[in-house]
């Protein structure tokens, strides 16, 4: 594997770890622990760490696919979280201002107390991690061709 690809993978791994730790700490500090929907991203972050450790200790097809599965779950978690945050803000705004609708409701919901786009961080974690695995070395492969063993 070329040194530039190794450096890129190292940088992606560092970004992934920073994202996981930072998001996990922030969720804990915000007490994002009220029910399953709020605990899900924390549990998923834990699963990503476990899968990453497995992938690091025993790199192979099974550990890679397991790690990738947790990253796809992060993508889904991010999308679901954005919807849940937005819906919660819409409900709040409709209680506060019953006649509001259209652009005003959308704007108020996006700027609401629950940050609508914050769960997008889980989406970013998933994308960075998938890119990290996409550039992985594969034993027996002589050139850098990420598609050859998918």
Protein backbone atom coordinates (compact mmCIF):
# COMPACT_ATOMS: atom_id res chain seq x y z
CA UNK A 1 0.00 0.00 0.00
CA UNK A 2 1.42 3.41 -0.91
CA UNK A 3 2.54 5.66 1.94
CA UNK A 4 0.00 8.30 0.91
CA UNK A 5 -2.86 5.81 1.32
CA UNK A 6 -1.48 4.71 4.69
CA UNK A 7 -1.37 8.35 5.79
CA UNK A 8 -4.92 8.93 4.53
CA UNK A 9 -6.16 5.85 6.42
CA UNK A 10 -4.42 7.05 9.58
CA UNK A 11 -6.02 10.48 9.22
CA UNK A 12 -9.46 8.92 8.65
CA UNK A 13 -9.00 6.71 11.70
CA UNK A 14 -8.04 9.75 13.82
CA UNK A 15 -11.09 11.68 12.58
CA UNK A 16 -13.30 8.66 13.26
CA UNK A 17 -11.97 8.27 16.81
CA UNK A 18 -12.32 11.99 17.52
CA UNK A 19 -15.88 11.91 16.23
CA UNK A 20 -16.80 8.87 18.29
CA UNK A 21 -15.25 10.15 21.52
CA UNK A 22 -16.48 13.72 21.06
CA UNK A 23 -20.03 12.68 20.20
CA UNK A 24 -20.18 10.16 23.03
CA UNK A 25 -18.92 12.66 25.60
CA UNK A 26 -21.29 15.36 24.35
CA UNK A 27 -24.28 13.01 24.51
CA UNK A 28 -23.38 12.03 28.07
CA UNK A 29 -22.87 15.66 29.14
CA UNK A 30 -26.24 16.56 27.63
CA UNK A 31 -27.80 13.62 29.51
CA UNK A 32 -29.03 12.15 26.22
CA UNK A 33 -30.20 9.07 28.14
CA UNK A 34 -33.99 9.35 28.36
CA UNK A 35 -35.32 6.16 26.80
CA UNK A 36 -34.18 3.84 24.06
CA UNK A 37 -34.25 6.46 21.29
CA UNK A 38 -31.79 8.64 23.22
CA UNK A 39 -29.63 5.75 24.38
CA UNK A 40 -29.37 4.24 20.89
CA UNK A 41 -26.57 6.52 19.62
CA UNK A 42 -24.53 5.91 22.78
CA UNK A 43 -24.95 2.15 22.43
CA UNK A 44 -24.09 2.37 18.76
CA UNK A 45 -20.91 4.31 19.52
CA UNK A 46 -19.95 1.52 21.91
CA UNK A 47 -20.63 -1.09 19.23
CA UNK A 48 -18.52 0.82 16.71
CA UNK A 49 -15.63 0.85 19.20
CA UNK A 50 -15.97 -2.91 19.80
CA UNK A 51 -16.16 -3.64 16.07
CA UNK A 52 -13.16 -1.38 15.43
CA UNK A 53 -11.13 -3.20 18.08
CA UNK A 54 -12.08 -6.55 16.53
CA UNK A 55 -11.20 -5.23 13.07
CA UNK A 56 -7.84 -3.98 14.36
CA UNK A 57 -6.94 -7.19 16.19
CA UNK A 58 -8.19 -9.65 13.58
CA UNK A 59 -8.48 -7.94 10.22
CA UNK A 60 -10.40 -10.13 7.83
CA UNK A 61 -13.59 -10.32 5.86
CA UNK A 62 -15.88 -11.08 8.82
CA UNK A 63 -14.48 -8.38 11.13
CA UNK A 64 -14.48 -5.88 8.25
CA UNK A 65 -18.11 -6.60 7.40
CA UNK A 66 -19.12 -6.40 11.07
CA UNK A 67 -17.37 -3.05 11.39
CA UNK A 68 -19.00 -1.82 8.19
CA UNK A 69 -22.41 -2.96 9.47
CA UNK A 70 -22.02 -0.80 12.59
CA UNK A 71 -21.05 2.13 10.37
CA UNK A 72 -24.13 1.66 8.19
CA UNK A 73 -26.14 1.60 11.42
CA UNK A 74 -24.55 4.99 12.23
CA UNK A 75 -25.80 6.33 8.89
CA UNK A 76 -29.32 5.13 9.69
CA UNK A 77 -29.09 6.44 13.25
CA UNK A 78 -28.10 9.88 12.00
CA UNK A 79 -31.00 10.02 9.55
CA UNK A 80 -33.53 8.80 12.13
CA UNK A 81 -32.14 11.21 14.73
CA UNK A 82 -32.53 14.21 12.43
CA UNK A 83 -36.16 13.24 11.81
CA UNK A 84 -36.85 12.71 15.53
CA UNK A 85 -35.23 16.00 16.53
CA UNK A 86 -37.09 17.89 13.81
CA UNK A 87 -40.45 16.30 14.67
CA UNK A 88 -39.98 17.09 18.34
CA UNK A 89 -39.26 20.71 17.52
CA UNK A 90 -42.29 20.88 15.18
CA UNK A 91 -44.54 19.57 17.96
CA UNK A 92 -43.13 22.12 20.39
CA UNK A 93 -43.55 25.01 17.93
CA UNK A 94 -47.12 23.98 17.10
CA UNK A 95 -47.97 23.98 20.82
CA UNK A 96 -46.33 27.35 21.26
CA UNK A 97 -47.73 28.94 18.08
CA UNK A 98 -50.79 26.90 16.96
CA UNK A 99 -51.38 28.66 13.63
CA UNK A 100 -47.81 28.59 12.32
CA UNK A 101 -47.01 26.60 9.18
CA UNK A 102 -44.92 26.46 6.04
CA UNK A 103 -41.56 28.17 5.98
CA UNK A 104 -42.05 29.77 9.39
CA UNK A 105 -42.69 26.40 11.02
CA UNK A 106 -39.75 24.82 9.23
CA UNK A 107 -37.42 27.65 10.25
CA UNK A 108 -38.62 27.60 13.86
CA UNK A 109 -38.24 23.81 14.05
CA UNK A 110 -34.74 23.91 12.58
CA UNK A 111 -33.74 26.60 15.10
CA UNK A 112 -35.55 24.91 18.00
CA UNK A 113 -34.22 23.89 21.39
CA UNK A 114 -33.35 20.39 20.14
CA UNK A 115 -30.65 20.82 17.48
CA UNK A 116 -32.24 19.25 14.41
CA UNK A 117 -29.00 18.61 12.56
CA UNK A 118 -26.91 17.40 15.53
CA UNK A 119 -27.66 13.72 14.83
CA UNK A 120 -25.99 14.26 11.48
CA UNK A 121 -22.75 13.69 13.38
CA UNK A 122 -23.63 9.99 13.47
CA UNK A 123 -24.01 10.13 9.70
CA UNK A 124 -20.58 11.72 9.41
CA UNK A 125 -19.07 9.04 11.66
CA UNK A 126 -20.54 6.38 9.41
CA UNK A 127 -19.20 7.98 6.23
CA UNK A 128 -15.68 8.49 7.60
CA UNK A 129 -15.55 4.94 8.91
CA UNK A 130 -16.79 3.46 5.65
CA UNK A 131 -14.19 5.43 3.73
CA UNK A 132 -11.55 4.11 6.15
CA UNK A 133 -12.58 0.51 5.40
CA UNK A 134 -12.90 1.19 1.67
CA UNK A 135 -9.19 2.02 1.54
CA UNK A 136 -8.16 -1.05 3.56
CA UNK A 137 -5.30 -3.28 2.50
CA UNK A 138 -6.30 -6.74 1.32
CA UNK A 139 -3.80 -9.61 1.62
CA UNK A 140 -2.73 -10.92 -1.76
CA UNK A 141 -3.78 -7.83 -3.66
CA UNK A 142 -0.87 -6.35 -5.57
CA UNK A 143 -2.29 -2.96 -6.47
CA UNK A 144 -4.55 -0.43 -4.77
CA UNK A 145 -7.95 -1.42 -6.13
CA UNK A 146 -10.55 -0.93 -3.39
CA UNK A 147 -13.30 -2.54 -5.49
CA UNK A 148 -11.53 -5.83 -6.17
CA UNK A 149 -12.82 -7.70 -3.13
CA UNK A 150 -16.18 -6.09 -2.45
